[in-house]
Amino acid sequence: MRTLLPLLSLAAMARALYFYIDVTSPKCFFEELPKDTLVVGHYTAEEWDDRLQAWARHDGIKIYITVDEVFDNDHRVVSQHGASSGKFTFTAADAGDHKLCFTPSSNSGRSNWLSLSSPNGGIRLSLDLAIGETSALEGGDKEKIQDLATRVRDLNARLNDIRREQVFQREREAEFRDQSESTNARVVRWILIQLTVLGVTCAWQLSHLRSFFIKQKLT
């Protein structure tokens, strides 16, 4: 089928559409893409709810997405099982037609997808495709990455400040320890000098007393 997206040929463009899928066959369409073109698709699958009389999302819906390179013998570049809503991305490796297919499945307990109570039967799939250059499509992601990078740089700066403070504290502790050891060494030397002086003084006094007593006996 080449009828669903005939206008998706401009780079850095976004298109939203919805279509109906039943269980009998996947829904496919073709898109011709230039080389190195990034495609980002957001989809939401809804099932007809008889009680609400409206299309509604259900957790039991599953969507199988495939993207094949038609120009390269249907080489498959995307094979993704998704929930009722999600995202898929791929980059065109070369210029040419790409076949995008969506196959639904459901375990929501709704036994008749093609009942007459549903306006179109099956599942309604809303698809939002953004086709363009990587730089144009990843602008928001780059902003988030830049914000995270800024936060990381701030954290690194704080860590560096903490490291510098720790180094400063270690240097102060080492300086204080050196001062304490130097003071203790000076105290020990002073005590040894005092003991030496006291010892010499005592020896001199004993020698003097001995000489005095010897003289007193002789007289």
N, C-alpha and C. Protein backbone atom coordinates (compact mmCIF):
# COMPACT_ATOMS: atom_id res chain seq x y z
N MET A 1 0.84 -1.20 0.00
CA MET A 1 0.00 0.00 0.00
C MET A 1 0.87 1.24 0.00
N ARG A 2 0.63 2.13 -0.98
CA ARG A 2 1.36 3.38 -1.07
C ARG A 2 0.41 4.56 -0.96
N THR A 3 -0.62 4.39 -0.15
CA THR A 3 -1.67 5.42 -0.13
C THR A 3 -1.77 6.16 1.18
N LEU A 4 -1.08 5.72 2.23
CA LEU A 4 -1.32 6.30 3.55
C LEU A 4 -0.49 7.52 3.82
N LEU A 5 0.77 7.53 3.36
CA LEU A 5 1.65 8.66 3.66
C LEU A 5 2.30 9.20 2.40
N PRO A 6 1.55 9.72 1.47
CA PRO A 6 2.19 10.23 0.24
C PRO A 6 2.91 11.54 0.43
N LEU A 7 2.64 12.25 1.54
CA LEU A 7 3.23 13.57 1.72
C LEU A 7 4.44 13.58 2.62
N LEU A 8 4.85 12.42 3.11
CA LEU A 8 5.96 12.38 4.06
C LEU A 8 7.29 12.30 3.30
N SER A 9 7.59 13.28 2.52
CA SER A 9 8.83 13.27 1.75
C SER A 9 9.75 14.41 2.13
N LEU A 10 9.28 15.33 2.97
CA LEU A 10 10.12 16.46 3.36
C LEU A 10 10.87 16.13 4.63
N ALA A 11 12.16 16.58 4.70
CA ALA A 11 12.97 16.32 5.88
C ALA A 11 12.50 17.19 7.03
N ALA A 12 12.74 16.66 8.24
CA ALA A 12 12.42 17.39 9.47
C ALA A 12 10.95 17.77 9.53
N MET A 13 10.06 16.87 9.07
CA MET A 13 8.63 17.10 9.12
C MET A 13 7.98 16.06 10.01
N ALA A 14 6.84 16.43 10.58
CA ALA A 14 6.08 15.51 11.43
C ALA A 14 4.67 15.39 10.89
N ARG A 15 4.13 14.17 10.88
CA ARG A 15 2.78 13.92 10.41
C ARG A 15 2.07 12.99 11.40
N ALA A 16 0.81 13.26 11.64
CA ALA A 16 0.01 12.41 12.53
C ALA A 16 -1.20 11.92 11.74
N LEU A 17 -1.54 10.66 11.93
CA LEU A 17 -2.69 10.08 11.28
C LEU A 17 -3.15 8.88 12.08
N TYR A 18 -4.30 8.38 11.75
CA TYR A 18 -4.74 7.13 12.37
C TYR A 18 -5.42 6.28 11.31
N PHE A 19 -5.38 4.98 11.53
CA PHE A 19 -6.00 4.03 10.62
C PHE A 19 -6.45 2.82 11.41
N TYR A 20 -7.21 1.94 10.76
CA TYR A 20 -7.82 0.81 11.42
C TYR A 20 -7.15 -0.48 10.99
N ILE A 21 -6.95 -1.36 11.95
CA ILE A 21 -6.29 -2.64 11.70
C ILE A 21 -7.19 -3.76 12.21
N ASP A 22 -7.26 -4.84 11.46
CA ASP A 22 -7.94 -6.04 11.98
C ASP A 22 -6.93 -7.17 12.07
N VAL A 23 -7.40 -8.31 12.57
CA VAL A 23 -6.49 -9.42 12.83
C VAL A 23 -6.22 -10.25 11.58
N THR A 24 -6.87 -9.95 10.51
CA THR A 24 -6.70 -10.79 9.33
C THR A 24 -5.38 -10.55 8.62
N SER A 25 -4.85 -9.33 8.71
CA SER A 25 -3.60 -9.02 8.02
C SER A 25 -2.99 -7.78 8.63
N PRO A 26 -1.67 -7.66 8.57
CA PRO A 26 -1.03 -6.44 9.09
C PRO A 26 -1.33 -5.25 8.18
N LYS A 27 -1.20 -4.10 8.74
CA LYS A 27 -1.38 -2.86 7.98
C LYS A 27 0.01 -2.34 7.61
N CYS A 28 0.25 -2.16 6.32
CA CYS A 28 1.57 -1.75 5.86
C CYS A 28 1.46 -0.53 4.96
N PHE A 29 2.50 0.24 4.94
CA PHE A 29 2.62 1.33 3.98
C PHE A 29 4.09 1.54 3.67
N PHE A 30 4.33 2.27 2.59
CA PHE A 30 5.68 2.49 2.11
C PHE A 30 6.05 3.95 2.29
N GLU A 31 7.31 4.17 2.59
CA GLU A 31 7.81 5.53 2.71
C GLU A 31 9.19 5.59 2.07
N GLU A 32 9.35 6.50 1.13
CA GLU A 32 10.64 6.69 0.49
C GLU A 32 11.46 7.68 1.30
N LEU A 33 12.64 7.26 1.71
CA LEU A 33 13.47 8.06 2.61
C LEU A 33 14.84 8.31 2.00
N PRO A 34 15.38 9.49 2.20
CA PRO A 34 16.77 9.73 1.80
C PRO A 34 17.73 8.99 2.73
N LYS A 35 18.95 8.90 2.31
CA LYS A 35 19.98 8.24 3.12
C LYS A 35 20.24 9.02 4.41
N ASP A 36 20.50 8.27 5.48
CA ASP A 36 20.83 8.84 6.80
C ASP A 36 19.70 9.68 7.38
N THR A 37 18.46 9.36 7.03
CA THR A 37 17.31 10.06 7.58
C THR A 37 16.81 9.33 8.82
N LEU A 38 16.62 10.07 9.87
CA LEU A 38 16.11 9.51 11.12
C LEU A 38 14.60 9.56 11.12
N VAL A 39 13.97 8.45 11.51
CA VAL A 39 12.51 8.37 11.63
C VAL A 39 12.18 8.00 13.07
N VAL A 40 11.33 8.81 13.68
CA VAL A 40 10.87 8.55 15.05
C VAL A 40 9.36 8.44 15.00
N GLY A 41 8.83 7.31 15.45
CA GLY A 41 7.39 7.09 15.42
C GLY A 41 6.82 6.87 16.81
N HIS A 42 5.74 7.56 17.10
CA HIS A 42 4.98 7.36 18.33
C HIS A 42 3.60 6.82 17.93
N TYR A 43 3.15 5.76 18.58
CA TYR A 43 1.88 5.16 18.20
C TYR A 43 1.03 4.90 19.45
N THR A 44 -0.27 4.84 19.23
CA THR A 44 -1.23 4.50 20.28
C THR A 44 -2.33 3.64 19.66
N ALA A 45 -2.55 2.47 20.21
CA ALA A 45 -3.57 1.55 19.72
C ALA A 45 -4.78 1.60 20.65
N GLU A 46 -5.97 1.70 20.05
CA GLU A 46 -7.21 1.76 20.82
C GLU A 46 -8.20 0.72 20.30
N GLU A 47 -8.99 0.17 21.20
CA GLU A 47 -9.98 -0.84 20.87
C GLU A 47 -11.37 -0.29 21.17
N TRP A 48 -12.34 -0.69 20.35
CA TRP A 48 -13.70 -0.19 20.55
C TRP A 48 -14.29 -0.74 21.83
N ASP A 49 -14.80 0.15 22.67
CA ASP A 49 -15.42 -0.22 23.94
C ASP A 49 -16.92 -0.03 23.81
N ASP A 50 -17.66 -1.18 23.80
CA ASP A 50 -19.12 -1.11 23.67
C ASP A 50 -19.76 -0.37 24.84
N ARG A 51 -19.17 -0.49 26.02
CA ARG A 51 -19.77 0.15 27.19
C ARG A 51 -19.64 1.66 27.09
N LEU A 52 -18.47 2.12 26.65
CA LEU A 52 -18.25 3.56 26.52
C LEU A 52 -18.71 4.10 25.18
N GLN A 53 -18.95 3.20 24.24
CA GLN A 53 -19.27 3.61 22.88
C GLN A 53 -18.22 4.57 22.33
N ALA A 54 -16.97 4.16 22.53
CA ALA A 54 -15.86 4.99 22.08
C ALA A 54 -14.62 4.12 21.98
N TRP A 55 -13.62 4.65 21.30
CA TRP A 55 -12.33 3.97 21.23
C TRP A 55 -11.56 4.25 22.52
N ALA A 56 -10.95 3.20 23.09
CA ALA A 56 -10.26 3.34 24.37
C ALA A 56 -9.03 2.44 24.37
N ARG A 57 -8.02 2.86 25.11
CA ARG A 57 -6.81 2.05 25.26
C ARG A 57 -7.05 0.91 26.24
N HIS A 58 -6.44 -0.24 25.96
CA HIS A 58 -6.51 -1.39 26.84
C HIS A 58 -5.12 -2.00 26.94
N ASP A 59 -4.77 -2.41 28.15
CA ASP A 59 -3.42 -2.95 28.38
C ASP A 59 -3.18 -4.25 27.63
N GLY A 60 -4.26 -4.95 27.27
CA GLY A 60 -4.08 -6.23 26.60
C GLY A 60 -3.68 -6.13 25.14
N ILE A 61 -3.73 -4.95 24.57
CA ILE A 61 -3.38 -4.78 23.16
C ILE A 61 -1.86 -4.79 23.00
N LYS A 62 -1.40 -5.54 22.01
CA LYS A 62 0.01 -5.58 21.67
C LYS A 62 0.17 -5.25 20.19
N ILE A 63 1.23 -4.56 19.86
CA ILE A 63 1.50 -4.19 18.47
C ILE A 63 2.89 -4.68 18.09
N TYR A 64 2.94 -5.41 16.97
CA TYR A 64 4.22 -5.86 16.43
C TYR A 64 4.56 -4.97 15.24
N ILE A 65 5.73 -4.32 15.31
CA ILE A 65 6.14 -3.35 14.31
C ILE A 65 7.35 -3.89 13.55
N THR A 66 7.28 -3.80 12.24
CA THR A 66 8.42 -4.18 11.40
C THR A 66 8.68 -3.08 10.38
N VAL A 67 9.94 -2.90 10.06
CA VAL A 67 10.35 -1.98 8.99
C VAL A 67 11.34 -2.73 8.11
N ASP A 68 11.01 -2.82 6.81
CA ASP A 68 11.86 -3.52 5.86
C ASP A 68 12.36 -2.56 4.79
N GLU A 69 13.62 -2.75 4.39
CA GLU A 69 14.18 -1.98 3.28
C GLU A 69 13.83 -2.68 1.98
N VAL A 70 12.85 -2.13 1.25
CA VAL A 70 12.39 -2.76 0.02
C VAL A 70 13.50 -2.81 -1.02
N PHE A 71 14.32 -1.77 -1.06
CA PHE A 71 15.37 -1.69 -2.06
C PHE A 71 16.50 -2.69 -1.81
N ASP A 72 16.52 -3.27 -0.60
CA ASP A 72 17.60 -4.20 -0.23
C ASP A 72 17.03 -5.57 0.08
N ASN A 73 16.19 -6.08 -0.81
CA ASN A 73 15.59 -7.40 -0.67
C ASN A 73 14.86 -7.56 0.66
N ASP A 74 14.11 -6.52 1.03
CA ASP A 74 13.30 -6.53 2.26
C ASP A 74 14.14 -6.81 3.51
N HIS A 75 15.33 -6.23 3.53
CA HIS A 75 16.15 -6.35 4.74
C HIS A 75 15.46 -5.67 5.91
N ARG A 76 15.27 -6.40 6.99
CA ARG A 76 14.50 -5.89 8.14
C ARG A 76 15.40 -5.09 9.08
N VAL A 77 15.01 -3.85 9.31
CA VAL A 77 15.79 -2.98 10.19
C VAL A 77 15.10 -2.75 11.53
N VAL A 78 13.80 -3.06 11.61
CA VAL A 78 13.07 -2.93 12.87
C VAL A 78 12.19 -4.16 13.03
N SER A 79 12.26 -4.78 14.19
CA SER A 79 11.37 -5.87 14.56
C SER A 79 11.09 -5.71 16.05
N GLN A 80 9.96 -5.12 16.36
CA GLN A 80 9.72 -4.67 17.74
C GLN A 80 8.32 -5.05 18.19
N HIS A 81 8.25 -5.72 19.34
CA HIS A 81 6.98 -6.01 19.99
C HIS A 81 6.72 -4.91 21.02
N GLY A 82 5.58 -4.24 20.88
CA GLY A 82 5.29 -3.14 21.77
C GLY A 82 3.94 -3.29 22.46
N ALA A 83 3.73 -2.42 23.44
CA ALA A 83 2.46 -2.40 24.15
C ALA A 83 1.44 -1.60 23.33
N SER A 84 0.35 -1.18 23.99
CA SER A 84 -0.70 -0.45 23.28
C SER A 84 -0.23 0.93 22.84
N SER A 85 0.82 1.44 23.44
CA SER A 85 1.40 2.69 22.98
C SER A 85 2.91 2.62 23.19
N GLY A 86 3.62 3.31 22.34
CA GLY A 86 5.07 3.26 22.47
C GLY A 86 5.75 4.07 21.39
N LYS A 87 7.01 3.74 21.17
CA LYS A 87 7.85 4.52 20.27
C LYS A 87 8.80 3.58 19.54
N PHE A 88 9.10 3.89 18.31
CA PHE A 88 10.12 3.15 17.56
C PHE A 88 10.94 4.15 16.75
N THR A 89 12.18 3.82 16.51
CA THR A 89 13.08 4.69 15.76
C THR A 89 13.96 3.84 14.84
N PHE A 90 14.33 4.43 13.73
CA PHE A 90 15.33 3.81 12.86
C PHE A 90 15.91 4.89 11.96
N THR A 91 17.06 4.58 11.38
CA THR A 91 17.73 5.48 10.46
C THR A 91 17.91 4.79 9.12
N ALA A 92 17.53 5.48 8.07
CA ALA A 92 17.66 4.91 6.73
C ALA A 92 19.14 4.76 6.38
N ALA A 93 19.54 3.51 6.20
CA ALA A 93 20.94 3.25 5.86
C ALA A 93 21.27 3.69 4.45
N ASP A 94 20.25 3.70 3.59
CA ASP A 94 20.45 4.13 2.21
C ASP A 94 19.13 4.69 1.70
N ALA A 95 19.16 5.40 0.62
CA ALA A 95 17.96 5.99 0.06
C ALA A 95 17.10 4.92 -0.60
N GLY A 96 15.78 5.04 -0.44
CA GLY A 96 14.88 4.09 -1.06
C GLY A 96 13.61 3.90 -0.27
N ASP A 97 12.77 2.97 -0.75
CA ASP A 97 11.49 2.70 -0.10
C ASP A 97 11.68 1.84 1.15
N HIS A 98 10.94 2.20 2.17
CA HIS A 98 10.90 1.44 3.41
C HIS A 98 9.46 1.02 3.67
N LYS A 99 9.27 -0.24 4.01
CA LYS A 99 7.94 -0.78 4.26
C LYS A 99 7.70 -0.87 5.76
N LEU A 100 6.72 -0.13 6.26
CA LEU A 100 6.37 -0.12 7.67
C LEU A 100 5.09 -0.91 7.87
N CYS A 101 5.13 -1.90 8.74
CA CYS A 101 3.97 -2.76 8.99
C CYS A 101 3.64 -2.80 10.47
N PHE A 102 2.33 -2.87 10.77
CA PHE A 102 1.83 -2.92 12.14
C PHE A 102 0.85 -4.09 12.24
N THR A 103 1.17 -5.03 13.13
CA THR A 103 0.33 -6.21 13.33
C THR A 103 -0.19 -6.23 14.76
N PRO A 104 -1.53 -6.21 14.96
CA PRO A 104 -2.06 -6.17 16.32
C PRO A 104 -2.31 -7.56 16.89
N SER A 105 -2.33 -7.62 18.20
CA SER A 105 -2.78 -8.81 18.93
C SER A 105 -3.37 -8.33 20.24
N SER A 106 -4.22 -9.15 20.83
CA SER A 106 -4.90 -8.71 22.05
C SER A 106 -5.25 -9.90 22.91
N ASN A 107 -5.07 -9.69 24.23
CA ASN A 107 -5.54 -10.68 25.22
C ASN A 107 -6.47 -10.02 26.21
N SER A 108 -7.20 -9.00 25.74
CA SER A 108 -8.06 -8.23 26.63
C SER A 108 -9.41 -8.89 26.87
N GLY A 109 -9.61 -10.06 26.24
CA GLY A 109 -10.86 -10.76 26.47
C GLY A 109 -11.97 -10.31 25.54
N ARG A 110 -11.70 -9.47 24.57
CA ARG A 110 -12.71 -9.03 23.62
C ARG A 110 -12.65 -9.99 22.42
N SER A 111 -13.63 -10.84 22.33
CA SER A 111 -13.54 -11.98 21.41
C SER A 111 -13.87 -11.61 19.97
N ASN A 112 -14.56 -10.49 19.75
CA ASN A 112 -14.99 -10.20 18.39
C ASN A 112 -14.54 -8.78 18.02
N TRP A 113 -13.37 -8.67 17.47
CA TRP A 113 -12.85 -7.36 17.07
C TRP A 113 -13.62 -6.78 15.89
N LEU A 114 -14.22 -7.63 15.09
CA LEU A 114 -14.86 -7.17 13.88
C LEU A 114 -16.38 -7.13 14.04
N SER A 115 -16.83 -6.94 15.28
CA SER A 115 -18.26 -6.91 15.52
C SER A 115 -18.87 -5.67 14.88
N LEU A 116 -20.16 -5.77 14.56
CA LEU A 116 -20.85 -4.67 13.91
C LEU A 116 -21.03 -3.48 14.84
N SER A 117 -20.86 -3.70 16.17
CA SER A 117 -21.00 -2.59 17.10
C SER A 117 -19.86 -1.60 16.96
N SER A 118 -18.72 -2.04 16.39
CA SER A 118 -17.59 -1.14 16.16
C SER A 118 -17.76 -0.44 14.84
N PRO A 119 -17.54 0.86 14.77
CA PRO A 119 -17.74 1.59 13.52
C PRO A 119 -16.88 1.04 12.39
N ASN A 120 -15.65 0.68 12.66
CA ASN A 120 -14.75 0.19 11.62
C ASN A 120 -14.20 -1.19 11.93
N GLY A 121 -14.49 -1.71 13.10
CA GLY A 121 -13.97 -2.99 13.47
C GLY A 121 -12.50 -2.95 13.83
N GLY A 122 -11.99 -3.96 14.52
CA GLY A 122 -10.58 -4.09 14.82
C GLY A 122 -10.06 -3.05 15.79
N ILE A 123 -8.87 -2.54 15.48
CA ILE A 123 -8.15 -1.62 16.36
C ILE A 123 -7.85 -0.35 15.58
N ARG A 124 -7.99 0.77 16.26
CA ARG A 124 -7.60 2.04 15.66
C ARG A 124 -6.20 2.40 16.15
N LEU A 125 -5.30 2.60 15.21
CA LEU A 125 -3.92 2.91 15.54
C LEU A 125 -3.63 4.35 15.13
N SER A 126 -3.28 5.17 16.11
CA SER A 126 -2.86 6.55 15.86
C SER A 126 -1.33 6.56 15.75
N LEU A 127 -0.84 7.16 14.70
CA LEU A 127 0.59 7.15 14.42
C LEU A 127 1.07 8.58 14.19
N ASP A 128 2.14 8.92 14.88
CA ASP A 128 2.78 10.23 14.74
C ASP A 128 4.21 9.99 14.32
N LEU A 129 4.51 10.32 13.08
CA LEU A 129 5.85 10.08 12.53
C LEU A 129 6.59 11.40 12.37
N ALA A 130 7.81 11.41 12.82
CA ALA A 130 8.69 12.56 12.60
C ALA A 130 9.83 12.09 11.72
N ILE A 131 9.97 12.72 10.57
CA ILE A 131 10.97 12.31 9.60
C ILE A 131 11.87 13.50 9.32
N GLY A 132 13.14 13.33 9.52
CA GLY A 132 14.05 14.44 9.26
C GLY A 132 15.44 14.12 9.68
N GLU A 133 16.27 15.16 9.74
CA GLU A 133 17.66 14.99 10.12
C GLU A 133 17.75 14.69 11.61
N THR A 134 18.80 14.00 11.96
CA THR A 134 18.98 13.62 13.36
C THR A 134 19.06 14.85 14.26
N SER A 135 19.75 15.87 13.80
CA SER A 135 19.91 17.07 14.62
C SER A 135 18.57 17.74 14.87
N ALA A 136 17.67 17.74 13.86
CA ALA A 136 16.38 18.40 14.03
C ALA A 136 15.46 17.63 14.95
N LEU A 137 15.53 16.29 14.90
CA LEU A 137 14.61 15.48 15.68
C LEU A 137 15.09 15.26 17.10
N GLU A 138 16.41 15.39 17.32
CA GLU A 138 16.93 15.10 18.64
C GLU A 138 17.21 16.36 19.45
N GLY A 139 16.62 17.48 19.04
CA GLY A 139 16.86 18.73 19.74
C GLY A 139 16.45 18.66 21.20
N GLY A 140 15.21 18.11 21.43
CA GLY A 140 14.74 18.00 22.81
C GLY A 140 15.62 17.08 23.63
N ASP A 141 16.00 15.94 23.02
CA ASP A 141 16.87 15.01 23.74
C ASP A 141 18.22 15.67 24.04
N LYS A 142 18.73 16.47 23.11
CA LYS A 142 20.02 17.13 23.34
C LYS A 142 19.91 18.11 24.49
N GLU A 143 18.75 18.80 24.57
CA GLU A 143 18.57 19.73 25.68
C GLU A 143 18.59 18.98 27.01
N LYS A 144 17.91 17.83 27.04
CA LYS A 144 17.92 17.02 28.26
C LYS A 144 19.33 16.55 28.58
N ILE A 145 20.04 16.11 27.53
CA ILE A 145 21.41 15.63 27.74
C ILE A 145 22.30 16.76 28.23
N GLN A 146 22.11 17.95 27.65
CA GLN A 146 22.91 19.09 28.09
C GLN A 146 22.60 19.44 29.54
N ASP A 147 21.31 19.35 29.91
CA ASP A 147 20.94 19.62 31.30
C ASP A 147 21.58 18.60 32.23
N LEU A 148 21.54 17.32 31.83
CA LEU A 148 22.18 16.29 32.64
C LEU A 148 23.69 16.51 32.70
N ALA A 149 24.27 16.90 31.56
CA ALA A 149 25.72 17.15 31.54
C ALA A 149 26.07 18.31 32.47
N THR A 150 25.21 19.34 32.49
CA THR A 150 25.46 20.47 33.39
C THR A 150 25.39 20.02 34.84
N ARG A 151 24.41 19.20 35.15
CA ARG A 151 24.31 18.69 36.52
C ARG A 151 25.52 17.84 36.88
N VAL A 152 25.96 17.02 35.93
CA VAL A 152 27.13 16.18 36.20
C VAL A 152 28.37 17.05 36.44
N ARG A 153 28.51 18.13 35.62
CA ARG A 153 29.64 19.03 35.83
C ARG A 153 29.56 19.71 37.20
N ASP A 154 28.35 20.09 37.60
CA ASP A 154 28.20 20.69 38.93
C ASP A 154 28.58 19.71 40.03
N LEU A 155 28.13 18.46 39.87
CA LEU A 155 28.49 17.45 40.87
C LEU A 155 29.99 17.21 40.89
N ASN A 156 30.61 17.18 39.70
CA ASN A 156 32.06 17.00 39.65
C ASN A 156 32.78 18.18 40.31
N ALA A 157 32.26 19.39 40.09
CA ALA A 157 32.87 20.57 40.73
C ALA A 157 32.75 20.47 42.25
N ARG A 158 31.60 20.04 42.73
CA ARG A 158 31.43 19.88 44.17
C ARG A 158 32.36 18.80 44.72
N LEU A 159 32.49 17.71 43.98
CA LEU A 159 33.41 16.66 44.41
C LEU A 159 34.84 17.17 44.46
N ASN A 160 35.21 17.97 43.46
CA ASN A 160 36.56 18.54 43.46
C ASN A 160 36.76 19.47 44.65
N ASP A 161 35.71 20.26 44.99
CA ASP A 161 35.80 21.13 46.17
C ASP A 161 35.98 20.30 47.44
N ILE A 162 35.23 19.20 47.52
CA ILE A 162 35.34 18.34 48.70
C ILE A 162 36.74 17.72 48.77
N ARG A 163 37.25 17.29 47.62
CA ARG A 163 38.61 16.72 47.60
C ARG A 163 39.64 17.75 48.03
N ARG A 164 39.51 18.99 47.51
CA ARG A 164 40.45 20.04 47.91
C ARG A 164 40.36 20.32 49.40
N GLU A 165 39.13 20.32 49.94
CA GLU A 165 38.97 20.54 51.37
C GLU A 165 39.60 19.41 52.17
N GLN A 166 39.43 18.17 51.69
CA GLN A 166 40.04 17.03 52.36
C GLN A 166 41.57 17.12 52.32
N VAL A 167 42.10 17.50 51.16
CA VAL A 167 43.55 17.65 51.05
C VAL A 167 44.04 18.74 51.99
N PHE A 168 43.31 19.86 52.06
CA PHE A 168 43.68 20.95 52.96
C PHE A 168 43.66 20.50 54.41
N GLN A 169 42.62 19.75 54.78
CA GLN A 169 42.53 19.25 56.16
C GLN A 169 43.67 18.29 56.46
N ARG A 170 44.00 17.41 55.49
CA ARG A 170 45.11 16.48 55.70
C ARG A 170 46.43 17.24 55.85
N GLU A 171 46.60 18.30 55.04
CA GLU A 171 47.82 19.09 55.16
C GLU A 171 47.89 19.79 56.52
N ARG A 172 46.75 20.32 56.99
CA ARG A 172 46.73 20.95 58.30
C ARG A 172 47.02 19.94 59.41
N GLU A 173 46.45 18.72 59.28
CA GLU A 173 46.72 17.69 60.27
C GLU A 173 48.19 17.30 60.26
N ALA A 174 48.77 17.18 59.06
CA ALA A 174 50.18 16.84 58.98
C ALA A 174 51.04 17.94 59.58
N GLU A 175 50.67 19.22 59.31
CA GLU A 175 51.42 20.32 59.89
C GLU A 175 51.31 20.34 61.41
N PHE A 176 50.10 20.11 61.91
CA PHE A 176 49.91 20.08 63.36
C PHE A 176 50.67 18.92 63.98
N ARG A 177 50.67 17.77 63.31
CA ARG A 177 51.41 16.62 63.81
C ARG A 177 52.90 16.91 63.84
N ASP A 178 53.41 17.56 62.79
CA ASP A 178 54.84 17.91 62.77
C ASP A 178 55.17 18.89 63.89
N GLN A 179 54.29 19.88 64.10
CA GLN A 179 54.52 20.83 65.18
C GLN A 179 54.50 20.13 66.54
N SER A 180 53.55 19.21 66.72
CA SER A 180 53.48 18.48 67.99
C SER A 180 54.73 17.64 68.20
N GLU A 181 55.17 16.95 67.15
CA GLU A 181 56.37 16.13 67.29
C GLU A 181 57.58 17.00 67.56
N SER A 182 57.67 18.16 66.90
CA SER A 182 58.81 19.06 67.14
C SER A 182 58.78 19.59 68.57
N THR A 183 57.58 19.96 69.05
CA THR A 183 57.46 20.44 70.43
C THR A 183 57.83 19.36 71.42
N ASN A 184 57.35 18.15 71.18
CA ASN A 184 57.69 17.04 72.08
C ASN A 184 59.20 16.79 72.09
N ALA A 185 59.82 16.88 70.90
CA ALA A 185 61.27 16.66 70.83
C ALA A 185 62.01 17.74 71.62
N ARG A 186 61.57 19.02 71.48
CA ARG A 186 62.22 20.09 72.24
C ARG A 186 62.03 19.91 73.74
N VAL A 187 60.82 19.47 74.16
CA VAL A 187 60.58 19.22 75.59
C VAL A 187 61.49 18.13 76.10
N VAL A 188 61.64 17.05 75.34
CA VAL A 188 62.50 15.95 75.76
C VAL A 188 63.95 16.42 75.87
N ARG A 189 64.39 17.20 74.85
CA ARG A 189 65.77 17.71 74.92
C ARG A 189 65.97 18.62 76.15
N TRP A 190 64.99 19.49 76.41
CA TRP A 190 65.10 20.37 77.56
C TRP A 190 65.14 19.59 78.89
N ILE A 191 64.33 18.54 78.98
CA ILE A 191 64.34 17.69 80.18
C ILE A 191 65.70 17.02 80.34
N LEU A 192 66.24 16.52 79.21
CA LEU A 192 67.55 15.87 79.29
C LEU A 192 68.62 16.87 79.71
N ILE A 193 68.56 18.12 79.17
CA ILE A 193 69.52 19.15 79.57
C ILE A 193 69.39 19.45 81.06
N GLN A 194 68.15 19.59 81.54
CA GLN A 194 67.94 19.86 82.96
C GLN A 194 68.48 18.72 83.82
N LEU A 195 68.20 17.48 83.42
CA LEU A 195 68.71 16.34 84.19
C LEU A 195 70.23 16.33 84.19
N THR A 196 70.81 16.67 83.05
CA THR A 196 72.27 16.72 82.97
C THR A 196 72.84 17.79 83.91
N VAL A 197 72.20 18.98 83.87
CA VAL A 197 72.66 20.07 84.75
C VAL A 197 72.49 19.68 86.21
N LEU A 198 71.33 19.09 86.55
CA LEU A 198 71.12 18.66 87.95
C LEU A 198 72.13 17.61 88.35
N GLY A 199 72.43 16.69 87.47
CA GLY A 199 73.40 15.65 87.79
C GLY A 199 74.79 16.23 88.03
N VAL A 200 75.17 17.15 87.13
CA VAL A 200 76.49 17.79 87.30
C VAL A 200 76.53 18.59 88.59
N THR A 201 75.45 19.32 88.88
CA THR A 201 75.39 20.12 90.12
C THR A 201 75.49 19.23 91.35
N CYS A 202 74.74 18.15 91.35
CA CYS A 202 74.78 17.22 92.49
C CYS A 202 76.19 16.63 92.68
N ALA A 203 76.79 16.25 91.58
CA ALA A 203 78.14 15.69 91.67
C ALA A 203 79.12 16.71 92.21
N TRP A 204 78.98 17.95 91.74
CA TRP A 204 79.88 18.99 92.22
C TRP A 204 79.65 19.25 93.70
N GLN A 205 78.39 19.28 94.14
CA GLN A 205 78.10 19.51 95.55
C GLN A 205 78.64 18.36 96.41
N LEU A 206 78.44 17.13 95.96
CA LEU A 206 78.97 15.99 96.73
C LEU A 206 80.49 16.05 96.82
N SER A 207 81.12 16.42 95.71
CA SER A 207 82.58 16.52 95.73
C SER A 207 83.03 17.63 96.68
N HIS A 208 82.32 18.74 96.67
CA HIS A 208 82.66 19.85 97.55
C HIS A 208 82.45 19.49 99.01
N LEU A 209 81.33 18.80 99.31
CA LEU A 209 81.09 18.38 100.69
C LEU A 209 82.15 17.38 101.17
N ARG A 210 82.53 16.51 100.31
CA ARG A 210 83.56 15.55 100.70
C ARG A 210 84.88 16.23 101.03
N SER A 211 85.22 17.18 100.18
CA SER A 211 86.46 17.92 100.44
C SER A 211 86.35 18.70 101.75
N PHE A 212 85.20 19.26 102.01
CA PHE A 212 84.99 20.02 103.23
C PHE A 212 85.13 19.14 104.47
N PHE A 213 84.50 17.97 104.44
CA PHE A 213 84.57 17.06 105.59
C PHE A 213 86.02 16.56 105.82
N ILE A 214 86.71 16.33 104.72
CA ILE A 214 88.10 15.85 104.86
C ILE A 214 88.94 16.96 105.53
N LYS A 215 88.78 18.18 105.14
CA LYS A 215 89.53 19.28 105.74
C LYS A 215 89.18 19.46 107.21
N GLN A 216 87.91 19.27 107.55
CA GLN A 216 87.48 19.44 108.93
C GLN A 216 88.12 18.37 109.83
N LYS A 217 88.27 17.16 109.39
CA LYS A 217 88.87 16.10 110.20
C LYS A 217 90.37 16.36 110.39
N LEU A 218 90.99 16.91 109.35
CA LEU A 218 92.43 17.15 109.48
C LEU A 218 92.74 18.26 110.48
N THR A 219 91.87 19.16 110.61
CA THR A 219 92.10 20.26 111.53
C THR A 219 91.69 19.85 112.94
